[in-house]
Amino acid sequence: MIFRSKKKYHEVPQKYTWPLLLGAIAAFLLLISQYLSNVNKYDLYVHSSGMFSLEVPSNWSKRDLNGGRFKGRTDVYFMSGNRLFFPSNKSVFVYLKSAEDPKSEDAKLWGEKLINDIDGQMVSKFTEIESFIDQHAVTEIYSRSYVSKSGKRMHFYFLSRNNIAVVDMVPYDPESESTELFDHMISTFVLTPTRP
């Protein structure tokens, strides 16, 4: 026995079904093409405090995590994709805190705390990559790789006169195609001291 509802529903006339379906498909394809057209383009992101900037892929989204569970630092999260249609598979976290005349040991200890906070395990030594002087101050850059539940990760540490920034990249695999993208972001990262 088949049960039928006695309620009458307004049915879309069949002559409108195909145009509506084709319109929905066209809108979806337009959304995908807009996403894909921004794949290799970058936008300059400057933090509202002016303390750091970097180039981020145009099709990535950004979220400020200030006021979260970690007081006394600034956190910004960048992720690839669009949460609705293109789930994130690459992420970059930027952690920033003030530190008077920071030393490499300060950055190393803070990085170890960040890694321990997510139950990560260090894989490589804390290594200096570069040290240079620009118009702002001496900037030192270090790195360390580690593993967490989300896979291989890489920390890049930037030290300036009164700030430490940790840029955390997930997943970071030197043999992956995303390495070029992450390298571009790191090469454009600028940490600016907050005072002369």
Protein backbone atom coordinates (compact mmCIF):
# COMPACT_ATOMS: atom_id res chain seq x y z
CA MET A 1 0.00 0.00 0.00
CA ILE A 2 1.34 3.42 -0.94
CA PHE A 3 0.61 6.33 1.37
CA ARG A 4 0.03 9.65 -0.28
CA SER A 5 -0.11 12.99 1.42
CA LYS A 6 -3.35 14.85 1.04
CA LYS A 7 -1.46 18.17 1.05
CA LYS A 8 -1.08 19.77 -2.31
CA TYR A 9 2.36 21.12 -3.00
CA HIS A 10 3.04 23.71 -5.61
CA GLU A 11 4.95 21.97 -8.33
CA VAL A 12 7.31 23.78 -10.64
CA PRO A 13 6.02 23.37 -14.17
CA GLN A 14 8.23 21.03 -16.14
CA LYS A 15 9.04 23.71 -18.68
CA TYR A 16 10.96 25.61 -15.91
CA THR A 17 12.81 22.60 -14.44
CA TRP A 18 15.62 22.42 -17.01
CA PRO A 19 16.33 26.18 -17.07
CA LEU A 20 16.48 26.23 -13.25
CA LEU A 21 18.80 23.23 -13.17
CA LEU A 22 21.04 24.68 -15.89
CA GLY A 23 21.10 28.03 -14.06
CA ALA A 24 22.22 26.33 -10.83
CA ILE A 25 24.96 24.43 -12.68
CA ALA A 26 26.15 27.63 -14.40
CA ALA A 27 26.31 29.46 -11.04
CA PHE A 28 28.35 26.62 -9.54
CA LEU A 29 30.75 26.59 -12.51
CA LEU A 30 31.16 30.37 -12.25
CA LEU A 31 32.07 30.00 -8.57
CA ILE A 32 34.66 27.33 -9.39
CA SER A 33 36.16 29.40 -12.22
CA GLN A 34 36.50 32.45 -9.94
CA TYR A 35 38.25 30.28 -7.37
CA LEU A 36 40.61 28.73 -9.92
CA SER A 37 41.41 32.07 -11.57
CA ASN A 38 43.03 33.23 -8.31
CA VAL A 39 45.14 30.11 -7.76
CA ASN A 40 48.56 31.65 -8.52
CA LYS A 41 47.81 35.24 -7.52
CA TYR A 42 48.82 36.85 -4.25
CA ASP A 43 47.49 39.73 -2.17
CA LEU A 44 49.59 41.70 0.28
CA TYR A 45 48.23 41.25 3.81
CA VAL A 46 49.24 43.92 6.33
CA HIS A 47 48.21 43.22 9.91
CA SER A 48 46.05 45.94 11.47
CA SER A 49 48.80 46.65 14.02
CA GLY A 50 51.30 47.20 11.19
CA MET A 51 53.66 44.75 12.93
CA PHE A 52 53.91 42.29 10.04
CA SER A 53 52.96 41.77 6.43
CA LEU A 54 53.18 38.96 3.88
CA GLU A 55 51.79 37.96 0.52
CA VAL A 56 48.95 35.45 0.78
CA PRO A 57 47.30 33.56 -2.10
CA SER A 58 44.26 35.52 -3.30
CA ASN A 59 41.92 32.57 -2.90
CA TRP A 60 42.84 31.94 0.76
CA SER A 61 40.70 33.10 3.64
CA LYS A 62 41.94 34.78 6.81
CA ARG A 63 40.81 34.76 10.42
CA ASP A 64 42.13 36.79 13.34
CA LEU A 65 42.37 34.64 16.45
CA ASN A 66 43.07 37.50 18.89
CA GLY A 67 41.54 37.21 22.32
CA GLY A 68 41.54 33.43 22.15
CA ARG A 69 42.90 31.10 24.80
CA PHE A 70 46.43 32.45 24.43
CA LYS A 71 46.64 35.91 25.99
CA GLY A 72 49.48 38.29 25.30
CA ARG A 73 50.01 37.42 21.67
CA THR A 74 48.50 38.12 18.27
CA ASP A 75 47.40 35.18 16.15
CA VAL A 76 46.29 35.18 12.51
CA TYR A 77 45.22 32.07 10.60
CA PHE A 78 45.29 31.76 6.80
CA MET A 79 43.78 28.76 5.03
CA SER A 80 43.53 27.58 1.48
CA GLY A 81 40.17 27.09 -0.13
CA ASN A 82 36.68 28.17 0.68
CA ARG A 83 35.09 26.49 3.68
CA LEU A 84 31.86 25.81 1.82
CA PHE A 85 33.08 24.34 -1.47
CA PHE A 86 36.83 23.84 -1.16
CA PRO A 87 37.89 22.52 2.25
CA SER A 88 41.24 23.71 3.52
CA ASN A 89 44.22 21.45 3.02
CA LYS A 90 46.97 24.03 3.60
CA SER A 91 47.19 26.44 6.52
CA VAL A 92 49.51 29.12 7.82
CA PHE A 93 49.36 30.40 11.38
CA VAL A 94 51.21 33.57 12.36
CA TYR A 95 51.89 33.96 16.09
CA LEU A 96 53.29 37.29 17.21
CA LYS A 97 54.32 38.55 20.62
CA SER A 98 56.27 41.48 22.01
CA ALA A 99 59.66 40.77 23.51
CA GLU A 100 62.26 43.34 24.50
CA ASP A 101 65.44 42.73 22.49
CA PRO A 102 64.62 39.04 21.83
CA LYS A 103 67.37 36.46 21.44
CA SER A 104 67.28 33.23 19.46
CA GLU A 105 66.88 31.29 22.72
CA ASP A 106 63.66 33.24 23.47
CA ALA A 107 62.24 32.25 20.08
CA LYS A 108 63.37 28.66 20.48
CA LEU A 109 61.71 28.30 23.90
CA TRP A 110 58.48 29.93 22.73
CA GLY A 111 58.44 27.69 19.64
CA GLU A 112 58.87 24.60 21.83
CA LYS A 113 55.92 25.73 23.96
CA LEU A 114 53.77 26.23 20.84
CA ILE A 115 54.74 22.76 19.58
CA ASN A 116 54.00 21.18 22.97
CA ASP A 117 50.61 22.95 23.14
CA ILE A 118 49.46 20.88 20.14
CA ASP A 119 51.23 17.65 21.19
CA GLY A 120 53.77 17.99 18.39
CA GLN A 121 57.14 16.26 18.23
CA MET A 122 60.25 18.10 17.08
CA VAL A 123 62.01 16.56 14.09
CA SER A 124 64.87 18.95 13.32
CA LYS A 125 67.21 21.26 15.18
CA PHE A 126 66.52 24.96 15.64
CA THR A 127 68.54 26.35 12.71
CA GLU A 128 69.48 29.88 11.66
CA ILE A 129 68.49 30.60 8.06
CA GLU A 130 69.38 34.24 7.64
CA SER A 131 70.27 37.44 9.46
CA PHE A 132 70.08 40.84 7.80
CA ILE A 133 69.75 44.55 8.49
CA ASP A 134 67.05 46.61 6.82
CA GLN A 135 65.73 50.10 7.48
CA HIS A 136 63.90 48.90 10.59
CA ALA A 137 66.41 46.81 12.49
CA VAL A 138 68.33 43.56 12.46
CA THR A 139 66.06 40.67 11.57
CA GLU A 140 67.00 37.08 12.29
CA ILE A 141 65.22 34.08 10.77
CA TYR A 142 65.32 30.53 12.12
CA SER A 143 63.44 27.32 11.31
CA ARG A 144 62.50 23.97 12.83
CA SER A 145 60.35 21.14 11.50
CA TYR A 146 58.04 19.02 13.60
CA VAL A 147 55.18 16.54 13.32
CA SER A 148 51.68 16.78 14.79
CA LYS A 149 48.36 15.03 14.25
CA SER A 150 47.84 17.18 11.14
CA GLY A 151 51.10 16.02 9.54
CA LYS A 152 54.53 17.50 8.88
CA ARG A 153 54.81 21.14 9.90
CA MET A 154 57.45 23.84 9.71
CA HIS A 155 58.06 26.75 12.04
CA PHE A 156 59.84 29.84 10.78
CA TYR A 157 60.94 32.25 13.52
CA PHE A 158 61.44 35.96 12.85
CA LEU A 159 63.10 38.19 15.46
CA SER A 160 63.25 41.97 15.30
CA ARG A 161 64.08 44.64 17.84
CA ASN A 162 61.01 44.06 20.01
CA ASN A 163 58.92 41.29 18.44
CA ILE A 164 59.02 37.59 17.80
CA ALA A 165 56.88 36.04 15.07
CA VAL A 166 56.41 32.33 14.49
CA VAL A 167 55.01 31.34 11.11
CA ASP A 168 53.63 27.79 11.29
CA MET A 169 52.99 26.06 7.94
CA VAL A 170 50.82 22.94 7.64
CA PRO A 171 51.40 20.49 5.96
CA TYR A 172 55.00 21.21 5.09
CA ASP A 173 56.60 18.62 2.88
CA PRO A 174 59.73 19.77 1.00
CA GLU A 175 58.84 17.46 -1.89
CA SER A 176 55.27 18.72 -2.27
CA GLU A 177 54.01 21.29 -4.79
CA SER A 178 52.80 23.47 -1.89
CA THR A 179 56.42 24.11 -0.85
CA GLU A 180 56.76 26.74 -3.60
CA LEU A 181 53.68 28.51 -2.30
CA PHE A 182 54.90 28.40 1.33
CA ASP A 183 58.38 29.56 0.26
CA HIS A 184 56.82 32.55 -1.50
CA MET A 185 54.89 33.49 1.65
CA ILE A 186 58.03 33.24 3.81
CA SER A 187 60.12 35.23 1.34
CA THR A 188 57.60 38.10 1.51
CA PHE A 189 57.13 38.06 5.30
CA VAL A 190 58.21 41.34 6.95
CA LEU A 191 58.30 41.78 10.72
CA THR A 192 58.28 45.47 11.65
CA PRO A 193 59.40 46.73 15.06
CA THR A 194 56.69 48.70 16.83
CA ARG A 195 59.01 51.51 17.87
CA PRO A 196 62.35 52.98 16.68
